[in-house]
């Protein structure tokens, strides 16, 4: 878990000081990817705290969810229908559920 926190801090520092401009055409894709990553991080922390570490299964699940979310986003962009709200809603709910479980675990300690 220490590596995870250090990686997040290092990524934030590099991201802040690296001048990368992302086109507005890709902003929806980036938003979905960031939510997928936050969902994966919170579920990994939750499973570490519950001593249920399924590393490979979680990583494969993250990759599958990310590909499916990007597919939804791509199809929604092609059709002009906001289907990308489904992955955004799913990842948002998942993040809050994982935070709730983390807080409950910390309060019970």
C-alpha atoms as a PDB file:
ATOM      1  CA  UNK A   1       0.000   0.000   0.000  1.00  0.00           C
ATOM      2  CA  UNK A   2       2.983   2.263   0.548  1.00  0.00           C
ATOM      3  CA  UNK A   3       3.939   1.809  -3.106  1.00  0.00           C
ATOM      4  CA  UNK A   4       0.429   2.769  -4.158  1.00  0.00           C
ATOM      5  CA  UNK A   5       0.481   6.000  -2.168  1.00  0.00           C
ATOM      6  CA  UNK A   6       3.989   6.877  -3.359  1.00  0.00           C
ATOM      7  CA  UNK A   7       2.964   6.179  -6.963  1.00  0.00           C
ATOM      8  CA  UNK A   8      -0.061   8.448  -6.648  1.00  0.00           C
ATOM      9  CA  UNK A   9       2.032  11.258  -5.156  1.00  0.00           C
ATOM     10  CA  UNK A  10       4.717  10.856  -7.824  1.00  0.00           C
ATOM     11  CA  UNK A  11       2.072  10.799 -10.570  1.00  0.00           C
ATOM     12  CA  UNK A  12       0.474  13.965  -9.226  1.00  0.00           C
ATOM     13  CA  UNK A  13       3.825  15.754  -9.071  1.00  0.00           C
ATOM     14  CA  UNK A  14       4.766  14.699 -12.607  1.00  0.00           C
ATOM     15  CA  UNK A  15       1.273  15.571 -13.879  1.00  0.00           C
ATOM     16  CA  UNK A  16       1.323  19.034 -12.346  1.00  0.00           C
ATOM     17  CA  UNK A  17       4.758  19.974 -13.680  1.00  0.00           C
ATOM     18  CA  UNK A  18       4.417  18.407 -17.156  1.00  0.00           C
ATOM     19  CA  UNK A  19       2.843  20.787 -19.669  1.00  0.00           C
ATOM     20  CA  UNK A  20       0.540  18.417 -21.574  1.00  0.00           C
ATOM     21  CA  UNK A  21      -2.496  19.811 -23.352  1.00  0.00           C
ATOM     22  CA  UNK A  22      -5.334  17.394 -24.009  1.00  0.00           C
ATOM     23  CA  UNK A  23      -7.715  18.145 -26.843  1.00  0.00           C
ATOM     24  CA  UNK A  24     -11.350  18.685 -25.941  1.00  0.00           C
ATOM     25  CA  UNK A  25     -12.201  15.857 -28.333  1.00  0.00           C
ATOM     26  CA  UNK A  26     -10.690  13.405 -25.849  1.00  0.00           C
ATOM     27  CA  UNK A  27     -11.952  14.969 -22.628  1.00  0.00           C
ATOM     28  CA  UNK A  28     -14.769  12.444 -22.187  1.00  0.00           C
ATOM     29  CA  UNK A  29     -12.362   9.547 -22.706  1.00  0.00           C
ATOM     30  CA  UNK A  30      -9.935  10.957 -20.144  1.00  0.00           C
ATOM     31  CA  UNK A  31     -12.741  11.499 -17.630  1.00  0.00           C
ATOM     32  CA  UNK A  32     -13.890   7.887 -17.983  1.00  0.00           C
ATOM     33  CA  UNK A  33     -10.317   6.608 -17.670  1.00  0.00           C
ATOM     34  CA  UNK A  34      -9.648   8.688 -14.557  1.00  0.00           C
ATOM     35  CA  UNK A  35     -12.833   7.414 -12.920  1.00  0.00           C
ATOM     36  CA  UNK A  36     -11.915   3.829 -13.834  1.00  0.00           C
ATOM     37  CA  UNK A  37      -8.483   4.314 -12.288  1.00  0.00           C
ATOM     38  CA  UNK A  38      -9.913   5.832  -9.094  1.00  0.00           C
ATOM     39  CA  UNK A  39     -12.375   2.963  -8.874  1.00  0.00           C
ATOM     40  CA  UNK A  40      -9.532   0.456  -9.199  1.00  0.00           C
ATOM     41  CA  UNK A  41      -7.418   2.234  -6.587  1.00  0.00           C
ATOM     42  CA  UNK A  42     -10.242   2.388  -4.048  1.00  0.00           C
ATOM     43  CA  UNK A  43     -11.185  -1.254  -4.607  1.00  0.00           C
ATOM     44  CA  UNK A  44      -7.533  -2.279  -4.199  1.00  0.00           C
ATOM     45  CA  UNK A  45      -7.246  -0.370  -0.928  1.00  0.00           C
ATOM     46  CA  UNK A  46     -10.505  -1.929   0.289  1.00  0.00           C
ATOM     47  CA  UNK A  47      -9.368  -5.448  -0.559  1.00  0.00           C
ATOM     48  CA  UNK A  48      -5.987  -4.837   1.119  1.00  0.00           C
ATOM     49  CA  UNK A  49      -7.743  -3.739   4.296  1.00  0.00           C
ATOM     50  CA  UNK A  50     -10.076  -6.727   4.244  1.00  0.00           C
ATOM     51  CA  UNK A  51      -7.079  -9.048   3.676  1.00  0.00           C
ATOM     52  CA  UNK A  52      -8.660 -10.305   0.454  1.00  0.00           C
ATOM     53  CA  UNK A  53      -5.890  -9.574  -1.975  1.00  0.00           C
ATOM     54  CA  UNK A  54      -6.762 -10.854  -5.446  1.00  0.00           C
ATOM     55  CA  UNK A  55      -4.053  -9.010  -7.383  1.00  0.00           C
ATOM     56  CA  UNK A  56      -4.314 -10.622 -10.803  1.00  0.00           C
ATOM     57  CA  UNK A  57      -8.101 -10.896 -10.699  1.00  0.00           C
ATOM     58  CA  UNK A  58      -8.449  -7.207  -9.784  1.00  0.00           C
ATOM     59  CA  UNK A  59      -6.017  -6.145 -12.487  1.00  0.00           C
ATOM     60  CA  UNK A  60      -7.802  -8.177 -15.160  1.00  0.00           C
ATOM     61  CA  UNK A  61     -11.150  -6.842 -13.927  1.00  0.00           C
ATOM     62  CA  UNK A  62      -9.817  -3.290 -14.116  1.00  0.00           C
ATOM     63  CA  UNK A  63      -8.588  -3.823 -17.671  1.00  0.00           C
ATOM     64  CA  UNK A  64     -11.913  -5.354 -18.734  1.00  0.00           C
ATOM     65  CA  UNK A  65     -13.944  -2.559 -17.121  1.00  0.00           C
ATOM     66  CA  UNK A  66     -11.709   0.065 -18.702  1.00  0.00           C
ATOM     67  CA  UNK A  67     -12.029  -1.453 -22.182  1.00  0.00           C
ATOM     68  CA  UNK A  68     -15.804  -1.763 -21.821  1.00  0.00           C
ATOM     69  CA  UNK A  69     -16.102   1.832 -20.571  1.00  0.00           C
ATOM     70  CA  UNK A  70     -14.006   3.115 -23.469  1.00  0.00           C
ATOM     71  CA  UNK A  71     -16.107   1.071 -25.886  1.00  0.00           C
ATOM     72  CA  UNK A  72     -19.292   2.623 -24.460  1.00  0.00           C
ATOM     73  CA  UNK A  73     -17.735   6.065 -24.766  1.00  0.00           C
ATOM     74  CA  UNK A  74     -16.608   5.471 -28.350  1.00  0.00           C
ATOM     75  CA  UNK A  75     -20.016   4.144 -29.404  1.00  0.00           C
ATOM     76  CA  UNK A  76     -21.750   7.067 -27.711  1.00  0.00           C
ATOM     77  CA  UNK A  77     -19.511   9.540 -29.520  1.00  0.00           C
ATOM     78  CA  UNK A  78     -20.246   7.862 -32.866  1.00  0.00           C
ATOM     79  CA  UNK A  79     -24.008   7.733 -32.292  1.00  0.00           C
ATOM     80  CA  UNK A  80     -24.336  11.106 -30.633  1.00  0.00           C
ATOM     81  CA  UNK A  81     -26.142   9.501 -27.684  1.00  0.00           C
ATOM     82  CA  UNK A  82     -24.678  10.040 -24.191  1.00  0.00           C
ATOM     83  CA  UNK A  83     -24.082   6.356 -23.367  1.00  0.00           C
ATOM     84  CA  UNK A  84     -20.897   7.310 -21.537  1.00  0.00           C
ATOM     85  CA  UNK A  85     -23.028   8.346 -18.566  1.00  0.00           C
ATOM     86  CA  UNK A  86     -23.433   4.646 -17.703  1.00  0.00           C
ATOM     87  CA  UNK A  87     -19.711   4.028 -16.993  1.00  0.00           C
ATOM     88  CA  UNK A  88     -19.425   7.387 -15.228  1.00  0.00           C
ATOM     89  CA  UNK A  89     -22.344   6.496 -12.980  1.00  0.00           C
ATOM     90  CA  UNK A  90     -21.023   2.960 -12.362  1.00  0.00           C
ATOM     91  CA  UNK A  91     -17.506   4.093 -11.462  1.00  0.00           C
ATOM     92  CA  UNK A  92     -18.826   6.942  -9.321  1.00  0.00           C
ATOM     93  CA  UNK A  93     -21.059   4.627  -7.307  1.00  0.00           C
ATOM     94  CA  UNK A  94     -18.238   2.090  -7.009  1.00  0.00           C
ATOM     95  CA  UNK A  95     -15.817   4.728  -5.707  1.00  0.00           C
ATOM     96  CA  UNK A  96     -18.255   5.919  -3.043  1.00  0.00           C
ATOM     97  CA  UNK A  97     -19.102   2.350  -1.986  1.00  0.00           C
ATOM     98  CA  UNK A  98     -15.419   1.519  -1.617  1.00  0.00           C
ATOM     99  CA  UNK A  99     -14.785   4.708   0.375  1.00  0.00           C
ATOM    100  CA  UNK A 100     -17.691   3.813   2.640  1.00  0.00           C
ATOM    101  CA  UNK A 101     -16.251   0.336   3.263  1.00  0.00           C
ATOM    102  CA  UNK A 102     -12.777   1.771   3.900  1.00  0.00           C
ATOM    103  CA  UNK A 103     -14.156   4.275   6.425  1.00  0.00           C
ATOM    104  CA  UNK A 104     -16.219   1.587   8.176  1.00  0.00           C
ATOM    105  CA  UNK A 105     -13.151  -0.647   8.385  1.00  0.00           C
ATOM    106  CA  UNK A 106     -11.034   2.171   9.816  1.00  0.00           C
ATOM    107  CA  UNK A 107     -13.696   3.108  12.355  1.00  0.00           C
ATOM    108  CA  UNK A 108     -14.019  -0.491  13.553  1.00  0.00           C
ATOM    109  CA  UNK A 109     -10.282  -0.695  14.175  1.00  0.00           C
END
